[in-house]
Amino acid sequence: MFITCADSRIVTAAITGAEPGSLFEMRTAGNVIPPYSLHAPTSEMATIEFAVLQLGVSEIVVCGHSHCGAVGALNRGGIDHLPAMRGWLRPQPRDGVNDPALRAEGQQHVRAQLDVLLAYPFVAEKVAKGELRVHGWFYDIETGEVSACAEHAFLPL
């Protein structure tokens, strides 16, 4: 399963080299994964549940990218006129943004989405059993480089 941003500059087949039909994809604004709650189910929760429990995917990649508008909105604000987007992104105060490409901020955002995903009970259970692996990737639109989330940094694949 490949979870990424709705941004059309993210071409999953080009990034992964996957053949058509070999990836189960989910795209959201800002590759946001909503918190797990059976009291307020979402399409995204249902899609992840279907992929993990019905299809039995063995790998999930959460892929963010540079120059992400959603990450920019999280870090710079300016979305007061977009109440649905503001609620979706769950903005949090951040320190000043130095990189106009939002690389560090985008990578931190991927880490945050991994934390949310790993809190899904069925994901945590499958990971604990060794039946599912979860990865964080970051795609740099300017260079085409893909890096993977390691313990303390994102390292080129």
C-alpha atoms as a PDB file:
ATOM      1  CA  MET A   1       0.000   0.000   0.000  1.00  0.00           C
ATOM      2  CA  PHE A   2       1.270   3.454  -0.905  1.00  0.00           C
ATOM      3  CA  ILE A   3      -0.172   6.439   0.987  1.00  0.00           C
ATOM      4  CA  THR A   4       0.785   9.771  -0.495  1.00  0.00           C
ATOM      5  CA  CYS A   5      -0.348  13.295  -1.193  1.00  0.00           C
ATOM      6  CA  ALA A   6      -3.031  14.172  -3.710  1.00  0.00           C
ATOM      7  CA  ASP A   7      -0.454  16.385  -5.471  1.00  0.00           C
ATOM      8  CA  SER A   8      -0.255  15.330  -9.130  1.00  0.00           C
ATOM      9  CA  ARG A   9       3.541  15.758  -9.120  1.00  0.00           C
ATOM     10  CA  ILE A  10       3.734  12.531  -7.120  1.00  0.00           C
ATOM     11  CA  VAL A  11       3.732   9.774  -9.728  1.00  0.00           C
ATOM     12  CA  THR A  12       3.892   6.583  -7.713  1.00  0.00           C
ATOM     13  CA  ALA A  13       4.827   4.308 -10.605  1.00  0.00           C
ATOM     14  CA  ALA A  14       7.790   6.545 -11.444  1.00  0.00           C
ATOM     15  CA  ILE A  15       8.917   6.728  -7.812  1.00  0.00           C
ATOM     16  CA  THR A  16       8.593   2.993  -7.126  1.00  0.00           C
ATOM     17  CA  GLY A  17       9.026   1.419 -10.548  1.00  0.00           C
ATOM     18  CA  ALA A  18       5.832  -0.524  -9.874  1.00  0.00           C
ATOM     19  CA  GLU A  19       3.785  -1.962 -12.696  1.00  0.00           C
ATOM     20  CA  PRO A  20       0.190  -0.782 -13.134  1.00  0.00           C
ATOM     21  CA  GLY A  21      -2.100  -2.535 -10.691  1.00  0.00           C
ATOM     22  CA  SER A  22       0.647  -3.665  -8.320  1.00  0.00           C
ATOM     23  CA  LEU A  23       0.213  -0.869  -5.750  1.00  0.00           C
ATOM     24  CA  PHE A  24      -2.843  -0.203  -3.656  1.00  0.00           C
ATOM     25  CA  GLU A  25      -2.774   3.603  -3.466  1.00  0.00           C
ATOM     26  CA  MET A  26      -4.431   6.093  -1.168  1.00  0.00           C
ATOM     27  CA  ARG A  27      -4.057   9.817  -1.755  1.00  0.00           C
ATOM     28  CA  THR A  28      -5.079  12.526   0.666  1.00  0.00           C
ATOM     29  CA  ALA A  29      -4.374  16.231   0.968  1.00  0.00           C
ATOM     30  CA  GLY A  30      -0.955  16.271   2.592  1.00  0.00           C
ATOM     31  CA  ASN A  31      -0.818  12.465   2.893  1.00  0.00           C
ATOM     32  CA  VAL A  32      -2.716  12.953   6.145  1.00  0.00           C
ATOM     33  CA  ILE A  33      -3.822   9.828   7.974  1.00  0.00           C
ATOM     34  CA  PRO A  34      -6.696  10.586  10.338  1.00  0.00           C
ATOM     35  CA  PRO A  35      -6.568   9.244  13.899  1.00  0.00           C
ATOM     36  CA  TYR A  36      -8.284   5.889  14.369  1.00  0.00           C
ATOM     37  CA  SER A  37     -11.769   6.242  15.812  1.00  0.00           C
ATOM     38  CA  LEU A  38     -14.697   3.894  15.327  1.00  0.00           C
ATOM     39  CA  HIS A  39     -16.932   6.723  16.577  1.00  0.00           C
ATOM     40  CA  ALA A  40     -15.966   8.844  13.564  1.00  0.00           C
ATOM     41  CA  PRO A  41     -14.903   6.503  10.738  1.00  0.00           C
ATOM     42  CA  THR A  42     -13.412   8.030   7.605  1.00  0.00           C
ATOM     43  CA  SER A  43     -12.833   6.839   4.083  1.00  0.00           C
ATOM     44  CA  GLU A  44      -9.105   6.776   4.816  1.00  0.00           C
ATOM     45  CA  MET A  45      -9.574   4.556   7.880  1.00  0.00           C
ATOM     46  CA  ALA A  46     -11.746   2.200   5.856  1.00  0.00           C
ATOM     47  CA  THR A  47      -9.219   2.091   3.010  1.00  0.00           C
ATOM     48  CA  ILE A  48      -6.339   1.233   5.346  1.00  0.00           C
ATOM     49  CA  GLU A  49      -8.470  -1.370   7.120  1.00  0.00           C
ATOM     50  CA  PHE A  50      -9.427  -2.973   3.791  1.00  0.00           C
ATOM     51  CA  ALA A  51      -5.827  -3.040   2.565  1.00  0.00           C
ATOM     52  CA  VAL A  52      -4.441  -4.548   5.765  1.00  0.00           C
ATOM     53  CA  LEU A  53      -7.206  -6.918   6.866  1.00  0.00           C
ATOM     54  CA  GLN A  54      -8.855  -7.897   3.584  1.00  0.00           C
ATOM     55  CA  LEU A  55      -6.077  -7.649   1.013  1.00  0.00           C
ATOM     56  CA  GLY A  56      -3.337  -8.600   3.460  1.00  0.00           C
ATOM     57  CA  VAL A  57      -0.793  -6.053   2.270  1.00  0.00           C
ATOM     58  CA  SER A  58       2.584  -6.721   3.822  1.00  0.00           C
ATOM     59  CA  GLU A  59       4.090  -3.257   3.361  1.00  0.00           C
ATOM     60  CA  ILE A  60       2.725   0.264   3.794  1.00  0.00           C
ATOM     61  CA  VAL A  61       4.676   3.281   2.596  1.00  0.00           C
ATOM     62  CA  VAL A  62       3.684   6.767   3.733  1.00  0.00           C
ATOM     63  CA  CYS A  63       5.290   9.154   1.251  1.00  0.00           C
ATOM     64  CA  GLY A  64       5.528  12.901   1.678  1.00  0.00           C
ATOM     65  CA  HIS A  65       7.202  15.365  -0.647  1.00  0.00           C
ATOM     66  CA  SER A  66       8.970  18.689  -0.912  1.00  0.00           C
ATOM     67  CA  HIS A  67       6.985  21.831  -1.748  1.00  0.00           C
ATOM     68  CA  CYS A  68       3.848  20.321  -0.199  1.00  0.00           C
ATOM     69  CA  GLY A  69       1.047  22.858   0.027  1.00  0.00           C
ATOM     70  CA  ALA A  70      -0.517  21.104   3.003  1.00  0.00           C
ATOM     71  CA  VAL A  71       2.746  21.085   4.935  1.00  0.00           C
ATOM     72  CA  GLY A  72       3.156  24.739   4.018  1.00  0.00           C
ATOM     73  CA  ALA A  73      -0.302  25.450   5.388  1.00  0.00           C
ATOM     74  CA  LEU A  74       0.559  23.612   8.604  1.00  0.00           C
ATOM     75  CA  ASN A  75       3.732  25.632   9.030  1.00  0.00           C
ATOM     76  CA  ARG A  76       2.799  29.017   7.615  1.00  0.00           C
ATOM     77  CA  GLY A  77      -0.942  29.181   8.195  1.00  0.00           C
ATOM     78  CA  GLY A  78      -2.955  31.183   5.729  1.00  0.00           C
ATOM     79  CA  ILE A  79      -5.832  28.726   5.421  1.00  0.00           C
ATOM     80  CA  ASP A  80      -8.388  30.474   7.575  1.00  0.00           C
ATOM     81  CA  HIS A  81     -10.634  30.781   4.534  1.00  0.00           C
ATOM     82  CA  LEU A  82     -10.536  26.974   4.089  1.00  0.00           C
ATOM     83  CA  PRO A  83     -12.307  25.569   7.176  1.00  0.00           C
ATOM     84  CA  ALA A  84     -12.478  21.978   5.908  1.00  0.00           C
ATOM     85  CA  MET A  85      -8.771  21.974   5.031  1.00  0.00           C
ATOM     86  CA  ARG A  86      -7.917  23.550   8.395  1.00  0.00           C
ATOM     87  CA  GLY A  87      -9.854  20.800  10.184  1.00  0.00           C
ATOM     88  CA  TRP A  88      -8.317  18.062   8.031  1.00  0.00           C
ATOM     89  CA  LEU A  89      -4.756  19.190   8.623  1.00  0.00           C
ATOM     90  CA  ARG A  90      -5.206  19.725  12.369  1.00  0.00           C
ATOM     91  CA  PRO A  91      -2.723  22.652  12.322  1.00  0.00           C
ATOM     92  CA  GLN A  92      -0.272  22.906  15.153  1.00  0.00           C
ATOM     93  CA  PRO A  93       2.033  25.801  15.978  1.00  0.00           C
ATOM     94  CA  ARG A  94       5.461  25.281  14.472  1.00  0.00           C
ATOM     95  CA  ASP A  95       8.773  27.088  14.636  1.00  0.00           C
ATOM     96  CA  GLY A  96       9.843  29.347  11.769  1.00  0.00           C
ATOM     97  CA  VAL A  97      10.177  27.793   8.326  1.00  0.00           C
ATOM     98  CA  ASN A  98      13.617  28.259   6.776  1.00  0.00           C
ATOM     99  CA  ASP A  99      13.513  26.037   3.676  1.00  0.00           C
ATOM    100  CA  PRO A 100      11.065  27.212   1.007  1.00  0.00           C
ATOM    101  CA  ALA A 101      10.893  23.592  -0.213  1.00  0.00           C
ATOM    102  CA  LEU A 102       9.740  22.524   3.276  1.00  0.00           C
ATOM    103  CA  ARG A 103      11.981  19.453   3.301  1.00  0.00           C
ATOM    104  CA  ALA A 104      12.582  19.159   7.060  1.00  0.00           C
ATOM    105  CA  GLU A 105       8.975  20.097   7.765  1.00  0.00           C
ATOM    106  CA  GLY A 106       7.721  17.548   5.220  1.00  0.00           C
ATOM    107  CA  GLN A 107       9.884  14.827   6.714  1.00  0.00           C
ATOM    108  CA  GLN A 108       8.604  15.645  10.203  1.00  0.00           C
ATOM    109  CA  HIS A 109       5.074  15.469   8.808  1.00  0.00           C
ATOM    110  CA  VAL A 110       5.761  11.961   7.440  1.00  0.00           C
ATOM    111  CA  ARG A 111       6.984  10.902  10.889  1.00  0.00           C
ATOM    112  CA  ALA A 112       3.806  12.274  12.454  1.00  0.00           C
ATOM    113  CA  GLN A 113       1.634  10.353   9.982  1.00  0.00           C
ATOM    114  CA  LEU A 114       3.575   7.158  10.720  1.00  0.00           C
ATOM    115  CA  ASP A 115       2.822   7.646  14.413  1.00  0.00           C
ATOM    116  CA  VAL A 116      -0.889   8.004  13.622  1.00  0.00           C
ATOM    117  CA  LEU A 117      -0.855   4.918  11.381  1.00  0.00           C
ATOM    118  CA  LEU A 118       0.958   2.809  13.961  1.00  0.00           C
ATOM    119  CA  ALA A 119      -1.750   3.705  16.489  1.00  0.00           C
ATOM    120  CA  TYR A 120      -4.371   1.873  14.392  1.00  0.00           C
ATOM    121  CA  PRO A 121      -4.946  -1.288  16.482  1.00  0.00           C
ATOM    122  CA  PHE A 122      -4.922  -3.720  13.561  1.00  0.00           C
ATOM    123  CA  VAL A 123      -1.785  -2.098  12.104  1.00  0.00           C
ATOM    124  CA  ALA A 124       0.013  -2.285  15.456  1.00  0.00           C
ATOM    125  CA  GLU A 125      -1.021  -5.925  15.844  1.00  0.00           C
ATOM    126  CA  LYS A 126       0.196  -6.927  12.363  1.00  0.00           C
ATOM    127  CA  VAL A 127       3.472  -5.042  12.849  1.00  0.00           C
ATOM    128  CA  ALA A 128       4.024  -6.753  16.233  1.00  0.00           C
ATOM    129  CA  LYS A 129       3.456 -10.155  14.605  1.00  0.00           C
ATOM    130  CA  GLY A 130       5.907  -9.349  11.793  1.00  0.00           C
ATOM    131  CA  GLU A 131       3.125  -9.567   9.214  1.00  0.00           C
ATOM    132  CA  LEU A 132       3.285  -5.901   8.205  1.00  0.00           C
ATOM    133  CA  ARG A 133       6.101  -3.417   7.729  1.00  0.00           C
ATOM    134  CA  VAL A 134       5.507   0.339   7.715  1.00  0.00           C
ATOM    135  CA  HIS A 135       7.867   2.795   6.018  1.00  0.00           C
ATOM    136  CA  GLY A 136       8.164   6.554   5.721  1.00  0.00           C
ATOM    137  CA  TRP A 137       9.486   7.958   2.459  1.00  0.00           C
ATOM    138  CA  PHE A 138      10.155  11.482   1.283  1.00  0.00           C
ATOM    139  CA  TYR A 139      10.218  12.483  -2.376  1.00  0.00           C
ATOM    140  CA  ASP A 140      12.175  15.592  -3.348  1.00  0.00           C
ATOM    141  CA  ILE A 141      10.376  17.039  -6.353  1.00  0.00           C
ATOM    142  CA  GLU A 142      13.384  19.124  -7.459  1.00  0.00           C
ATOM    143  CA  THR A 143      15.932  16.307  -7.490  1.00  0.00           C
ATOM    144  CA  GLY A 144      13.780  13.202  -7.860  1.00  0.00           C
ATOM    145  CA  GLU A 145      15.568  11.718  -4.841  1.00  0.00           C
ATOM    146  CA  VAL A 146      13.613   9.407  -2.556  1.00  0.00           C
ATOM    147  CA  SER A 147      14.751   8.966   1.011  1.00  0.00           C
ATOM    148  CA  ALA A 148      13.549   6.605   3.706  1.00  0.00           C
ATOM    149  CA  CYS A 149      12.868   7.358   7.336  1.00  0.00           C
ATOM    150  CA  ALA A 150      15.547   5.855   9.540  1.00  0.00           C
ATOM    151  CA  GLU A 151      15.776   6.204  13.285  1.00  0.00           C
ATOM    152  CA  HIS A 152      17.144   9.765  13.321  1.00  0.00           C
ATOM    153  CA  ALA A 153      17.198  10.894   9.691  1.00  0.00           C
ATOM    154  CA  PHE A 154      15.894  10.331   6.205  1.00  0.00           C
ATOM    155  CA  LEU A 155      18.471   8.449   4.157  1.00  0.00           C
ATOM    156  CA  PRO A 156      18.574   8.092   0.349  1.00  0.00           C
ATOM    157  CA  LEU A 157      17.150   4.841  -0.974  1.00  0.00           C
END
